[in-house]
PDB file of N, CA and C in Angstrom:
ATOM      1  N   MET A   1      64.839  42.969 -12.453  1.00  0.00           N
ATOM      2  CA  MET A   1      64.349  41.658 -12.070  1.00  0.00           C
ATOM      3  C   MET A   1      62.830  41.664 -12.141  1.00  0.00           C
ATOM      4  N   ASP A   2      62.265  40.740 -12.875  1.00  0.00           N
ATOM      5  CA  ASP A   2      60.815  40.626 -12.959  1.00  0.00           C
ATOM      6  C   ASP A   2      60.272  40.119 -11.644  1.00  0.00           C
ATOM      7  N   ALA A   3      59.052  40.508 -11.321  1.00  0.00           N
ATOM      8  CA  ALA A   3      58.409  40.028 -10.104  1.00  0.00           C
ATOM      9  C   ALA A   3      58.217  38.521 -10.224  1.00  0.00           C
ATOM     10  N   LEU A   4      58.581  37.818  -9.168  1.00  0.00           N
ATOM     11  CA  LEU A   4      58.414  36.375  -9.141  1.00  0.00           C
ATOM     12  C   LEU A   4      57.075  36.029  -8.532  1.00  0.00           C
ATOM     13  N   ASP A   5      56.522  34.934  -8.941  1.00  0.00           N
ATOM     14  CA  ASP A   5      55.321  34.405  -8.328  1.00  0.00           C
ATOM     15  C   ASP A   5      55.615  34.171  -6.848  1.00  0.00           C
ATOM     16  N   ASP A   6      54.652  34.490  -5.967  1.00  0.00           N
ATOM     17  CA  ASP A   6      54.854  34.356  -4.521  1.00  0.00           C
ATOM     18  C   ASP A   6      55.353  32.974  -4.129  1.00  0.00           C
ATOM     19  N   LYS A   7      54.706  31.941  -4.638  1.00  0.00           N
ATOM     20  CA  LYS A   7      55.086  30.573  -4.268  1.00  0.00           C
ATOM     21  C   LYS A   7      56.484  30.233  -4.766  1.00  0.00           C
ATOM     22  N   VAL A   8      56.838  30.690  -5.955  1.00  0.00           N
ATOM     23  CA  VAL A   8      58.163  30.423  -6.508  1.00  0.00           C
ATOM     24  C   VAL A   8      59.224  31.107  -5.653  1.00  0.00           C
ATOM     25  N   LEU A   9      58.991  32.350  -5.291  1.00  0.00           N
ATOM     26  CA  LEU A   9      59.939  33.088  -4.470  1.00  0.00           C
ATOM     27  C   LEU A   9      60.116  32.416  -3.116  1.00  0.00           C
ATOM     28  N   GLU A  10      59.018  32.036  -2.480  1.00  0.00           N
ATOM     29  CA  GLU A  10      59.079  31.375  -1.176  1.00  0.00           C
ATOM     30  C   GLU A  10      59.850  30.064  -1.267  1.00  0.00           C
ATOM     31  N   SER A  11      59.530  29.235  -2.243  1.00  0.00           N
ATOM     32  CA  SER A  11      60.178  27.924  -2.325  1.00  0.00           C
ATOM     33  C   SER A  11      61.651  28.041  -2.707  1.00  0.00           C
ATOM     34  N   THR A  12      62.001  28.993  -3.556  1.00  0.00           N
ATOM     35  CA  THR A  12      63.397  29.190  -3.940  1.00  0.00           C
ATOM     36  C   THR A  12      64.234  29.555  -2.721  1.00  0.00           C
ATOM     37  N   LEU A  13      63.752  30.492  -1.930  1.00  0.00           N
ATOM     38  CA  LEU A  13      64.492  30.877  -0.727  1.00  0.00           C
ATOM     39  C   LEU A  13      64.534  29.745   0.285  1.00  0.00           C
ATOM     40  N   ALA A  14      63.431  29.060   0.491  1.00  0.00           N
ATOM     41  CA  ALA A  14      63.383  27.971   1.463  1.00  0.00           C
ATOM     42  C   ALA A  14      64.384  26.878   1.105  1.00  0.00           C
ATOM     43  N   LYS A  15      64.478  26.538  -0.189  1.00  0.00           N
ATOM     44  CA  LYS A  15      65.429  25.507  -0.624  1.00  0.00           C
ATOM     45  C   LYS A  15      66.865  25.950  -0.379  1.00  0.00           C
ATOM     46  N   SER A  16      67.163  27.204  -0.646  1.00  0.00           N
ATOM     47  CA  SER A  16      68.534  27.678  -0.473  1.00  0.00           C
ATOM     48  C   SER A  16      68.926  27.737   0.996  1.00  0.00           C
ATOM     49  N   LEU A  17      67.942  27.797   1.884  1.00  0.00           N
ATOM     50  CA  LEU A  17      68.213  27.894   3.312  1.00  0.00           C
ATOM     51  C   LEU A  17      68.183  26.557   4.033  1.00  0.00           C
ATOM     52  N   ALA A  18      67.661  25.538   3.416  1.00  0.00           N
ATOM     53  CA  ALA A  18      67.411  24.263   4.094  1.00  0.00           C
ATOM     54  C   ALA A  18      68.650  23.704   4.784  1.00  0.00           C
ATOM     55  N   ASP A  19      69.797  23.795   4.168  1.00  0.00           N
ATOM     56  CA  ASP A  19      71.012  23.225   4.749  1.00  0.00           C
ATOM     57  C   ASP A  19      71.717  24.155   5.724  1.00  0.00           C
ATOM     58  N   LEU A  20      71.260  25.382   5.833  1.00  0.00           N
ATOM     59  CA  LEU A  20      71.958  26.361   6.665  1.00  0.00           C
ATOM     60  C   LEU A  20      71.447  26.427   8.092  1.00  0.00           C
ATOM     61  N   VAL A  21      70.263  25.916   8.347  1.00  0.00           N
ATOM     62  CA  VAL A  21      69.640  26.084   9.660  1.00  0.00           C
ATOM     63  C   VAL A  21      69.694  24.785  10.445  1.00  0.00           C
ATOM     64  N   PRO A  22      70.253  24.826  11.661  1.00  0.00           N
ATOM     65  CA  PRO A  22      70.280  23.626  12.489  1.00  0.00           C
ATOM     66  C   PRO A  22      68.870  23.255  12.936  1.00  0.00           C
ATOM     67  N   ASP A  23      68.563  21.958  12.957  1.00  0.00           N
ATOM     68  CA  ASP A  23      67.218  21.515  13.297  1.00  0.00           C
ATOM     69  C   ASP A  23      66.928  21.534  14.790  1.00  0.00           C
ATOM     70  N   GLU A  24      67.867  21.141  15.602  1.00  0.00           N
ATOM     71  CA  GLU A  24      67.553  20.916  17.008  1.00  0.00           C
ATOM     72  C   GLU A  24      68.499  21.632  17.952  1.00  0.00           C
ATOM     73  N   LYS A  25      68.644  22.909  17.820  1.00  0.00           N
ATOM     74  CA  LYS A  25      69.430  23.651  18.803  1.00  0.00           C
ATOM     75  C   LYS A  25      68.907  25.072  18.884  1.00  0.00           C
ATOM     76  N   THR A  26      69.198  25.684  20.005  1.00  0.00           N
ATOM     77  CA  THR A  26      68.786  27.067  20.173  1.00  0.00           C
ATOM     78  C   THR A  26      69.525  27.927  19.156  1.00  0.00           C
ATOM     79  N   VAL A  27      68.793  28.793  18.500  1.00  0.00           N
ATOM     80  CA  VAL A  27      69.366  29.640  17.461  1.00  0.00           C
ATOM     81  C   VAL A  27      69.516  31.053  18.014  1.00  0.00           C
ATOM     82  N   SER A  28      70.739  31.557  17.985  1.00  0.00           N
ATOM     83  CA  SER A  28      70.986  32.915  18.476  1.00  0.00           C
ATOM     84  C   SER A  28      70.551  33.935  17.427  1.00  0.00           C
ATOM     85  N   GLU A  29      70.405  35.161  17.861  1.00  0.00           N
ATOM     86  CA  GLU A  29      70.036  36.228  16.931  1.00  0.00           C
ATOM     87  C   GLU A  29      71.117  36.413  15.865  1.00  0.00           C
ATOM     88  N   ASP A  30      72.383  36.293  16.274  1.00  0.00           N
ATOM     89  CA  ASP A  30      73.483  36.434  15.319  1.00  0.00           C
ATOM     90  C   ASP A  30      73.442  35.346  14.254  1.00  0.00           C
ATOM     91  N   GLU A  31      73.148  34.099  14.671  1.00  0.00           N
ATOM     92  CA  GLU A  31      73.050  33.003  13.699  1.00  0.00           C
ATOM     93  C   GLU A  31      71.891  33.246  12.736  1.00  0.00           C
ATOM     94  N   PHE A  32      70.775  33.708  13.268  1.00  0.00           N
ATOM     95  CA  PHE A  32      69.615  33.997  12.431  1.00  0.00           C
ATOM     96  C   PHE A  32      69.950  35.071  11.405  1.00  0.00           C
ATOM     97  N   VAL A  33      70.583  36.137  11.840  1.00  0.00           N
ATOM     98  CA  VAL A  33      70.955  37.233  10.939  1.00  0.00           C
ATOM     99  C   VAL A  33      71.919  36.744   9.865  1.00  0.00           C
ATOM    100  N   GLU A  34      72.849  35.870  10.235  1.00  0.00           N
ATOM    101  CA  GLU A  34      73.811  35.349   9.260  1.00  0.00           C
ATOM    102  C   GLU A  34      73.105  34.526   8.178  1.00  0.00           C
ATOM    103  N   VAL A  35      72.198  33.660   8.591  1.00  0.00           N
ATOM    104  CA  VAL A  35      71.469  32.820   7.636  1.00  0.00           C
ATOM    105  C   VAL A  35      70.600  33.678   6.719  1.00  0.00           C
ATOM    106  N   VAL A  36      69.843  34.591   7.314  1.00  0.00           N
ATOM    107  CA  VAL A  36      68.953  35.451   6.527  1.00  0.00           C
ATOM    108  C   VAL A  36      69.758  36.345   5.590  1.00  0.00           C
ATOM    109  N   GLY A  37      70.849  36.908   6.095  1.00  0.00           N
ATOM    110  CA  GLY A  37      71.689  37.773   5.267  1.00  0.00           C
ATOM    111  C   GLY A  37      72.239  37.053   4.049  1.00  0.00           C
ATOM    112  N   GLY A  38      72.706  35.824   4.241  1.00  0.00           N
ATOM    113  CA  GLY A  38      73.225  35.032   3.127  1.00  0.00           C
ATOM    114  C   GLY A  38      72.150  34.723   2.104  1.00  0.00           C
ATOM    115  N   ALA A  39      70.966  34.381   2.588  1.00  0.00           N
ATOM    116  CA  ALA A  39      69.865  34.056   1.677  1.00  0.00           C
ATOM    117  C   ALA A  39      69.441  35.282   0.879  1.00  0.00           C
ATOM    118  N   LEU A  40      69.344  36.416   1.541  1.00  0.00           N
ATOM    119  CA  LEU A  40      68.914  37.630   0.846  1.00  0.00           C
ATOM    120  C   LEU A  40      69.962  38.094  -0.157  1.00  0.00           C
ATOM    121  N   GLU A  41      71.212  37.910   0.179  1.00  0.00           N
ATOM    122  CA  GLU A  41      72.284  38.276  -0.756  1.00  0.00           C
ATOM    123  C   GLU A  41      72.168  37.456  -2.038  1.00  0.00           C
ATOM    124  N   ALA A  42      71.808  36.180  -1.888  1.00  0.00           N
ATOM    125  CA  ALA A  42      71.701  35.287  -3.042  1.00  0.00           C
ATOM    126  C   ALA A  42      70.590  35.695  -4.002  1.00  0.00           C
ATOM    127  N   VAL A  43      69.536  36.344  -3.497  1.00  0.00           N
ATOM    128  CA  VAL A  43      68.423  36.750  -4.362  1.00  0.00           C
ATOM    129  C   VAL A  43      68.350  38.275  -4.544  1.00  0.00           C
ATOM    130  N   GLY A  44      69.376  38.979  -4.085  1.00  0.00           N
ATOM    131  CA  GLY A  44      69.403  40.432  -4.239  1.00  0.00           C
ATOM    132  C   GLY A  44      68.409  41.137  -3.342  1.00  0.00           C
ATOM    133  N   GLY A  45      68.117  40.549  -2.200  1.00  0.00           N
ATOM    134  CA  GLY A  45      67.149  41.129  -1.274  1.00  0.00           C
ATOM    135  C   GLY A  45      67.794  42.042  -0.250  1.00  0.00           C
ATOM    136  N   THR A  46      66.945  42.779   0.453  1.00  0.00           N
ATOM    137  CA  THR A  46      67.388  43.721   1.472  1.00  0.00           C
ATOM    138  C   THR A  46      66.648  43.445   2.772  1.00  0.00           C
ATOM    139  N   LEU A  47      67.398  43.330   3.859  1.00  0.00           N
ATOM    140  CA  LEU A  47      66.795  43.163   5.174  1.00  0.00           C
ATOM    141  C   LEU A  47      66.185  44.493   5.607  1.00  0.00           C
ATOM    142  N   LEU A  48      64.912  44.479   5.969  1.00  0.00           N
ATOM    143  CA  LEU A  48      64.249  45.692   6.435  1.00  0.00           C
ATOM    144  C   LEU A  48      64.379  45.831   7.943  1.00  0.00           C
ATOM    145  N   PHE A  49      64.052  44.766   8.661  1.00  0.00           N
ATOM    146  CA  PHE A  49      64.220  44.747  10.109  1.00  0.00           C
ATOM    147  C   PHE A  49      64.157  43.316  10.597  1.00  0.00           C
ATOM    148  N   LYS A  50      64.600  43.131  11.843  1.00  0.00           N
ATOM    149  CA  LYS A  50      64.520  41.824  12.488  1.00  0.00           C
ATOM    150  C   LYS A  50      64.093  42.039  13.927  1.00  0.00           C
ATOM    151  N   MET A  51      63.484  41.017  14.502  1.00  0.00           N
ATOM    152  CA  MET A  51      63.075  41.078  15.897  1.00  0.00           C
ATOM    153  C   MET A  51      62.861  39.674  16.409  1.00  0.00           C
ATOM    154  N   CYS A  52      62.765  39.552  17.713  1.00  0.00           N
ATOM    155  CA  CYS A  52      62.432  38.282  18.336  1.00  0.00           C
ATOM    156  C   CYS A  52      61.093  38.490  19.029  1.00  0.00           C
ATOM    157  N   VAL A  53      60.121  37.638  18.731  1.00  0.00           N
ATOM    158  CA  VAL A  53      58.763  37.804  19.253  1.00  0.00           C
ATOM    159  C   VAL A  53      58.234  36.484  19.807  1.00  0.00           C
ATOM    160  N   GLN A  54      57.167  36.588  20.554  1.00  0.00           N
ATOM    161  CA  GLN A  54      56.401  35.419  20.975  1.00  0.00           C
ATOM    162  C   GLN A  54      55.191  35.336  20.061  1.00  0.00           C
ATOM    163  N   ASN A  55      55.011  34.205  19.411  1.00  0.00           N
ATOM    164  CA  ASN A  55      53.866  34.016  18.532  1.00  0.00           C
ATOM    165  C   ASN A  55      53.237  32.670  18.887  1.00  0.00           C
ATOM    166  N   GLU A  56      52.002  32.712  19.348  1.00  0.00           N
ATOM    167  CA  GLU A  56      51.287  31.519  19.770  1.00  0.00           C
ATOM    168  C   GLU A  56      52.089  30.743  20.815  1.00  0.00           C
ATOM    169  N   GLY A  57      52.681  31.466  21.763  1.00  0.00           N
ATOM    170  CA  GLY A  57      53.412  30.857  22.862  1.00  0.00           C
ATOM    171  C   GLY A  57      54.804  30.362  22.532  1.00  0.00           C
ATOM    172  N   GLU A  58      55.262  30.586  21.319  1.00  0.00           N
ATOM    173  CA  GLU A  58      56.577  30.116  20.898  1.00  0.00           C
ATOM    174  C   GLU A  58      57.460  31.307  20.550  1.00  0.00           C
ATOM    175  N   GLY A  59      58.691  31.301  21.059  1.00  0.00           N
ATOM    176  CA  GLY A  59      59.641  32.341  20.691  1.00  0.00           C
ATOM    177  C   GLY A  59      60.112  32.114  19.269  1.00  0.00           C
ATOM    178  N   GLN A  60      60.179  33.187  18.502  1.00  0.00           N
ATOM    179  CA  GLN A  60      60.685  33.045  17.137  1.00  0.00           C
ATOM    180  C   GLN A  60      61.409  34.302  16.693  1.00  0.00           C
ATOM    181  N   HIS A  61      62.447  34.067  15.907  1.00  0.00           N
ATOM    182  CA  HIS A  61      63.142  35.155  15.244  1.00  0.00           C
ATOM    183  C   HIS A  61      62.324  35.487  13.999  1.00  0.00           C
ATOM    184  N   VAL A  62      62.169  36.777  13.725  1.00  0.00           N
ATOM    185  CA  VAL A  62      61.411  37.216  12.554  1.00  0.00           C
ATOM    186  C   VAL A  62      62.233  38.275  11.821  1.00  0.00           C
ATOM    187  N   ALA A  63      62.304  38.144  10.514  1.00  0.00           N
ATOM    188  CA  ALA A  63      62.961  39.157   9.685  1.00  0.00           C
ATOM    189  C   ALA A  63      62.026  39.522   8.549  1.00  0.00           C
ATOM    190  N   ALA A  64      61.966  40.800   8.254  1.00  0.00           N
ATOM    191  CA  ALA A  64      61.219  41.275   7.091  1.00  0.00           C
ATOM    192  C   ALA A  64      62.244  41.732   6.065  1.00  0.00           C
ATOM    193  N   ALA A  65      61.961  41.435   4.809  1.00  0.00           N
ATOM    194  CA  ALA A  65      62.901  41.769   3.748  1.00  0.00           C
ATOM    195  C   ALA A  65      62.143  42.182   2.499  1.00  0.00           C
ATOM    196  N   SER A  66      62.862  42.832   1.597  1.00  0.00           N
ATOM    197  CA  SER A  66      62.276  43.148   0.298  1.00  0.00           C
ATOM    198  C   SER A  66      63.197  42.607  -0.785  1.00  0.00           C
ATOM    199  N   VAL A  67      62.573  42.232  -1.894  1.00  0.00           N
ATOM    200  CA  VAL A  67      63.292  41.734  -3.058  1.00  0.00           C
ATOM    201  C   VAL A  67      62.779  42.514  -4.259  1.00  0.00           C
ATOM    202  N   GLY A  68      63.679  42.980  -5.091  1.00  0.00           N
ATOM    203  CA  GLY A  68      63.288  43.765  -6.254  1.00  0.00           C
ATOM    204  C   GLY A  68      63.139  45.227  -5.876  1.00  0.00           C
ATOM    205  N   ASP A  69      62.722  46.028  -6.849  1.00  0.00           N
ATOM    206  CA  ASP A  69      62.505  47.447  -6.561  1.00  0.00           C
ATOM    207  C   ASP A  69      61.384  47.992  -7.422  1.00  0.00           C
ATOM    208  N   GLY A  70      60.964  49.177  -7.089  1.00  0.00           N
ATOM    209  CA  GLY A  70      59.876  49.814  -7.828  1.00  0.00           C
ATOM    210  C   GLY A  70      58.617  48.975  -7.808  1.00  0.00           C
ATOM    211  N   GLY A  71      57.968  48.869  -8.940  1.00  0.00           N
ATOM    212  CA  GLY A  71      56.729  48.115  -9.043  1.00  0.00           C
ATOM    213  C   GLY A  71      56.911  46.615  -8.911  1.00  0.00           C
ATOM    214  N   ASN A  72      58.152  46.149  -9.009  1.00  0.00           N
ATOM    215  CA  ASN A  72      58.423  44.716  -8.884  1.00  0.00           C
ATOM    216  C   ASN A  72      58.837  44.309  -7.474  1.00  0.00           C
ATOM    217  N   ARG A  73      58.833  45.255  -6.542  1.00  0.00           N
ATOM    218  CA  ARG A  73      59.283  44.934  -5.184  1.00  0.00           C
ATOM    219  C   ARG A  73      58.281  44.036  -4.481  1.00  0.00           C
ATOM    220  N   GLN A  74      58.810  43.002  -3.833  1.00  0.00           N
ATOM    221  CA  GLN A  74      57.999  42.092  -3.041  1.00  0.00           C
ATOM    222  C   GLN A  74      58.564  42.062  -1.631  1.00  0.00           C
ATOM    223  N   PHE A  75      57.690  41.830  -0.655  1.00  0.00           N
ATOM    224  CA  PHE A  75      58.094  41.783   0.733  1.00  0.00           C
ATOM    225  C   PHE A  75      57.992  40.362   1.251  1.00  0.00           C
ATOM    226  N   LEU A  76      59.004  39.967   2.014  1.00  0.00           N
ATOM    227  CA  LEU A  76      59.073  38.618   2.560  1.00  0.00           C
ATOM    228  C   LEU A  76      59.121  38.657   4.077  1.00  0.00           C
ATOM    229  N   LEU A  77      58.633  37.595   4.677  1.00  0.00           N
ATOM    230  CA  LEU A  77      58.762  37.395   6.113  1.00  0.00           C
ATOM    231  C   LEU A  77      59.466  36.064   6.305  1.00  0.00           C
ATOM    232  N   LEU A  78      60.560  36.075   7.052  1.00  0.00           N
ATOM    233  CA  LEU A  78      61.316  34.866   7.345  1.00  0.00           C
ATOM    234  C   LEU A  78      61.238  34.635   8.840  1.00  0.00           C
ATOM    235  N   THR A  79      60.796  33.458   9.254  1.00  0.00           N
ATOM    236  CA  THR A  79      60.646  33.161  10.671  1.00  0.00           C
ATOM    237  C   THR A  79      61.359  31.861  11.019  1.00  0.00           C
ATOM    238  N   LEU A  80      61.916  31.829  12.223  1.00  0.00           N
ATOM    239  CA  LEU A  80      62.625  30.655  12.706  1.00  0.00           C
ATOM    240  C   LEU A  80      62.401  30.542  14.207  1.00  0.00           C
ATOM    241  N   PRO A  81      61.915  29.392  14.690  1.00  0.00           N
ATOM    242  CA  PRO A  81      61.747  29.219  16.132  1.00  0.00           C
ATOM    243  C   PRO A  81      63.085  29.395  16.847  1.00  0.00           C
ATOM    244  N   THR A  82      63.070  30.070  17.983  1.00  0.00           N
ATOM    245  CA  THR A  82      64.321  30.290  18.726  1.00  0.00           C
ATOM    246  C   THR A  82      64.903  28.973  19.229  1.00  0.00           C
ATOM    247  N   GLY A  83      64.058  27.954  19.371  1.00  0.00           N
ATOM    248  CA  GLY A  83      64.525  26.644  19.813  1.00  0.00           C
ATOM    249  C   GLY A  83      65.031  25.774  18.684  1.00  0.00           C
ATOM    250  N   GLY A  84      65.145  26.306  17.479  1.00  0.00           N
ATOM    251  CA  GLY A  84      65.591  25.538  16.319  1.00  0.00           C
ATOM    252  C   GLY A  84      64.414  24.984  15.549  1.00  0.00           C
ATOM    253  N   GLY A  85      64.676  24.521  14.384  1.00  0.00           N
ATOM    254  CA  GLY A  85      63.629  23.975  13.525  1.00  0.00           C
ATOM    255  C   GLY A  85      63.736  24.532  12.135  1.00  0.00           C
ATOM    256  N   ALA A  86      62.642  24.448  11.421  1.00  0.00           N
ATOM    257  CA  ALA A  86      62.633  24.860  10.022  1.00  0.00           C
ATOM    258  C   ALA A  86      62.440  26.367   9.887  1.00  0.00           C
ATOM    259  N   LEU A  87      63.185  26.955   8.978  1.00  0.00           N
ATOM    260  CA  LEU A  87      63.008  28.361   8.636  1.00  0.00           C
ATOM    261  C   LEU A  87      61.832  28.455   7.686  1.00  0.00           C
ATOM    262  N   LYS A  88      60.902  29.332   8.000  1.00  0.00           N
ATOM    263  CA  LYS A  88      59.728  29.525   7.147  1.00  0.00           C
ATOM    264  C   LYS A  88      59.915  30.817   6.365  1.00  0.00           C
ATOM    265  N   VAL A  89      59.707  30.731   5.064  1.00  0.00           N
ATOM    266  CA  VAL A  89      59.809  31.889   4.186  1.00  0.00           C
ATOM    267  C   VAL A  89      58.466  32.068   3.505  1.00  0.00           C
ATOM    268  N   GLU A  90      57.894  33.258   3.627  1.00  0.00           N
ATOM    269  CA  GLU A  90      56.617  33.522   2.975  1.00  0.00           C
ATOM    270  C   GLU A  90      56.547  34.974   2.560  1.00  0.00           C
ATOM    271  N   THR A  91      55.783  35.223   1.512  1.00  0.00           N
ATOM    272  CA  THR A  91      55.571  36.612   1.117  1.00  0.00           C
ATOM    273  C   THR A  91      54.598  37.237   2.106  1.00  0.00           C
ATOM    274  N   ILE A  92      54.720  38.529   2.277  1.00  0.00           N
ATOM    275  CA  ILE A  92      53.871  39.251   3.219  1.00  0.00           C
ATOM    276  C   ILE A  92      52.394  39.038   2.879  1.00  0.00           C
ATOM    277  N   SER A  93      52.081  39.023   1.592  1.00  0.00           N
ATOM    278  CA  SER A  93      50.676  38.900   1.185  1.00  0.00           C
ATOM    279  C   SER A  93      50.071  37.557   1.573  1.00  0.00           C
ATOM    280  N   ARG A  94      50.909  36.539   1.764  1.00  0.00           N
ATOM    281  CA  ARG A  94      50.402  35.213   2.109  1.00  0.00           C
ATOM    282  C   ARG A  94      50.566  34.882   3.598  1.00  0.00           C
ATOM    283  N   SER A  95      51.199  35.751   4.351  1.00  0.00           N
ATOM    284  CA  SER A  95      51.516  35.459   5.745  1.00  0.00           C
ATOM    285  C   SER A  95      50.368  35.808   6.684  1.00  0.00           C
ATOM    286  N   SER A  96      50.195  34.966   7.696  1.00  0.00           N
ATOM    287  CA  SER A  96      49.217  35.267   8.749  1.00  0.00           C
ATOM    288  C   SER A  96      49.927  35.750  10.010  1.00  0.00           C
ATOM    289  N   ASN A  97      51.241  35.872   9.959  1.00  0.00           N
ATOM    290  CA  ASN A  97      52.015  36.331  11.106  1.00  0.00           C
ATOM    291  C   ASN A  97      51.692  37.798  11.377  1.00  0.00           C
ATOM    292  N   PRO A  98      51.475  38.162  12.651  1.00  0.00           N
ATOM    293  CA  PRO A  98      51.147  39.560  12.973  1.00  0.00           C
ATOM    294  C   PRO A  98      52.217  40.566  12.537  1.00  0.00           C
ATOM    295  N   VAL A  99      53.456  40.141  12.436  1.00  0.00           N
ATOM    296  CA  VAL A  99      54.539  41.046  12.039  1.00  0.00           C
ATOM    297  C   VAL A  99      54.428  41.427  10.561  1.00  0.00           C
ATOM    298  N   ALA A 100      53.747  40.622   9.773  1.00  0.00           N
ATOM    299  CA  ALA A 100      53.643  40.871   8.328  1.00  0.00           C
ATOM    300  C   ALA A 100      53.074  42.251   8.022  1.00  0.00           C
ATOM    301  N   GLY A 101      52.100  42.682   8.796  1.00  0.00           N
ATOM    302  CA  GLY A 101      51.482  43.983   8.555  1.00  0.00           C
ATOM    303  C   GLY A 101      52.429  45.151   8.758  1.00  0.00           C
ATOM    304  N   ILE A 102      53.456  44.935   9.560  1.00  0.00           N
ATOM    305  CA  ILE A 102      54.413  46.002   9.851  1.00  0.00           C
ATOM    306  C   ILE A 102      55.398  46.199   8.694  1.00  0.00           C
ATOM    307  N   ALA A 103      55.723  45.131   7.985  1.00  0.00           N
ATOM    308  CA  ALA A 103      56.811  45.164   7.002  1.00  0.00           C
ATOM    309  C   ALA A 103      56.588  46.161   5.870  1.00  0.00           C
ATOM    310  N   ALA A 104      55.436  46.125   5.233  1.00  0.00           N
ATOM    311  CA  ALA A 104      55.182  47.052   4.118  1.00  0.00           C
ATOM    312  C   ALA A 104      55.135  48.493   4.612  1.00  0.00           C
ATOM    313  N   ALA A 105      54.544  48.701   5.788  1.00  0.00           N
ATOM    314  CA  ALA A 105      54.494  50.052   6.353  1.00  0.00           C
ATOM    315  C   ALA A 105      55.906  50.554   6.652  1.00  0.00           C
ATOM    316  N   TYR A 106      56.739  49.687   7.175  1.00  0.00           N
ATOM    317  CA  TYR A 106      58.121  50.047   7.485  1.00  0.00           C
ATOM    318  C   TYR A 106      58.877  50.423   6.206  1.00  0.00           C
ATOM    319  N   ALA A 107      58.698  49.618   5.158  1.00  0.00           N
ATOM    320  CA  ALA A 107      59.363  49.908   3.884  1.00  0.00           C
ATOM    321  C   ALA A 107      58.911  51.254   3.335  1.00  0.00           C
ATOM    322  N   GLY A 108      57.626  51.540   3.441  1.00  0.00           N
ATOM    323  CA  GLY A 108      57.118  52.832   2.986  1.00  0.00           C
ATOM    324  C   GLY A 108      57.727  53.989   3.765  1.00  0.00           C
ATOM    325  N   LEU A 109      57.898  53.787   5.066  1.00  0.00           N
ATOM    326  CA  LEU A 109      58.518  54.809   5.906  1.00  0.00           C
ATOM    327  C   LEU A 109      59.971  55.037   5.501  1.00  0.00           C
ATOM    328  N   MET A 110      60.698  53.957   5.241  1.00  0.00           N
ATOM    329  CA  MET A 110      62.107  54.079   4.826  1.00  0.00           C
ATOM    330  C   MET A 110      62.205  54.788   3.467  1.00  0.00           C
ATOM    331  N   ASP A 111      61.261  54.499   2.567  1.00  0.00           N
ATOM    332  CA  ASP A 111      61.237  55.186   1.270  1.00  0.00           C
ATOM    333  C   ASP A 111      61.047  56.692   1.474  1.00  0.00           C
ATOM    334  N   ALA A 112      60.142  57.038   2.388  1.00  0.00           N
ATOM    335  CA  ALA A 112      59.892  58.462   2.668  1.00  0.00           C
ATOM    336  C   ALA A 112      61.132  59.136   3.244  1.00  0.00           C
ATOM    337  N   PHE A 113      61.863  58.445   4.128  1.00  0.00           N
ATOM    338  CA  PHE A 113      63.081  59.010   4.696  1.00  0.00           C
ATOM    339  C   PHE A 113      64.139  59.225   3.607  1.00  0.00           C
ATOM    340  N   LYS A 114      64.259  58.279   2.689  1.00  0.00           N
ATOM    341  CA  LYS A 114      65.241  58.417   1.604  1.00  0.00           C
ATOM    342  C   LYS A 114      64.899  59.612   0.726  1.00  0.00           C
ATOM    343  N   THR A 115      63.613  59.807   0.449  1.00  0.00           N
ATOM    344  CA  THR A 115      63.181  60.930  -0.370  1.00  0.00           C
ATOM    345  C   THR A 115      63.453  62.253   0.337  1.00  0.00           C
ATOM    346  N   ALA A 116      63.216  62.289   1.634  1.00  0.00           N
ATOM    347  CA  ALA A 116      63.413  63.513   2.420  1.00  0.00           C
ATOM    348  C   ALA A 116      64.890  63.867   2.548  1.00  0.00           C
ATOM    349  N   ALA A 117      65.747  62.863   2.543  1.00  0.00           N
ATOM    350  CA  ALA A 117      67.184  63.106   2.703  1.00  0.00           C
ATOM    351  C   ALA A 117      67.741  63.609   1.423  1.00  0.00           C
TER     352      ALA A 117
END
């Protein structure tokens, strides 16, 4: 898979997720994982980790993922307010979310573990 332009990758995932996320209800961690898992499966992505954090006073579910492999691998951050709303999809390089810095480091650590095993 060729590396996709950041904006193209973000918009493609966002469009595929638009109908899956409820707008006005509390979103459980299980629901978030189901939505993210389905979206990543559609683009051949891999979930790296997920967490629930407070960002600017708002609770949000956050997932880090990778798409592609080798030199074409890109990292994504998917965020969804715990109170419902729009799912935000952005590449790590374009994200201002504090969790973004963790994602690439985490992927590098997982690569090292795979090599060691």
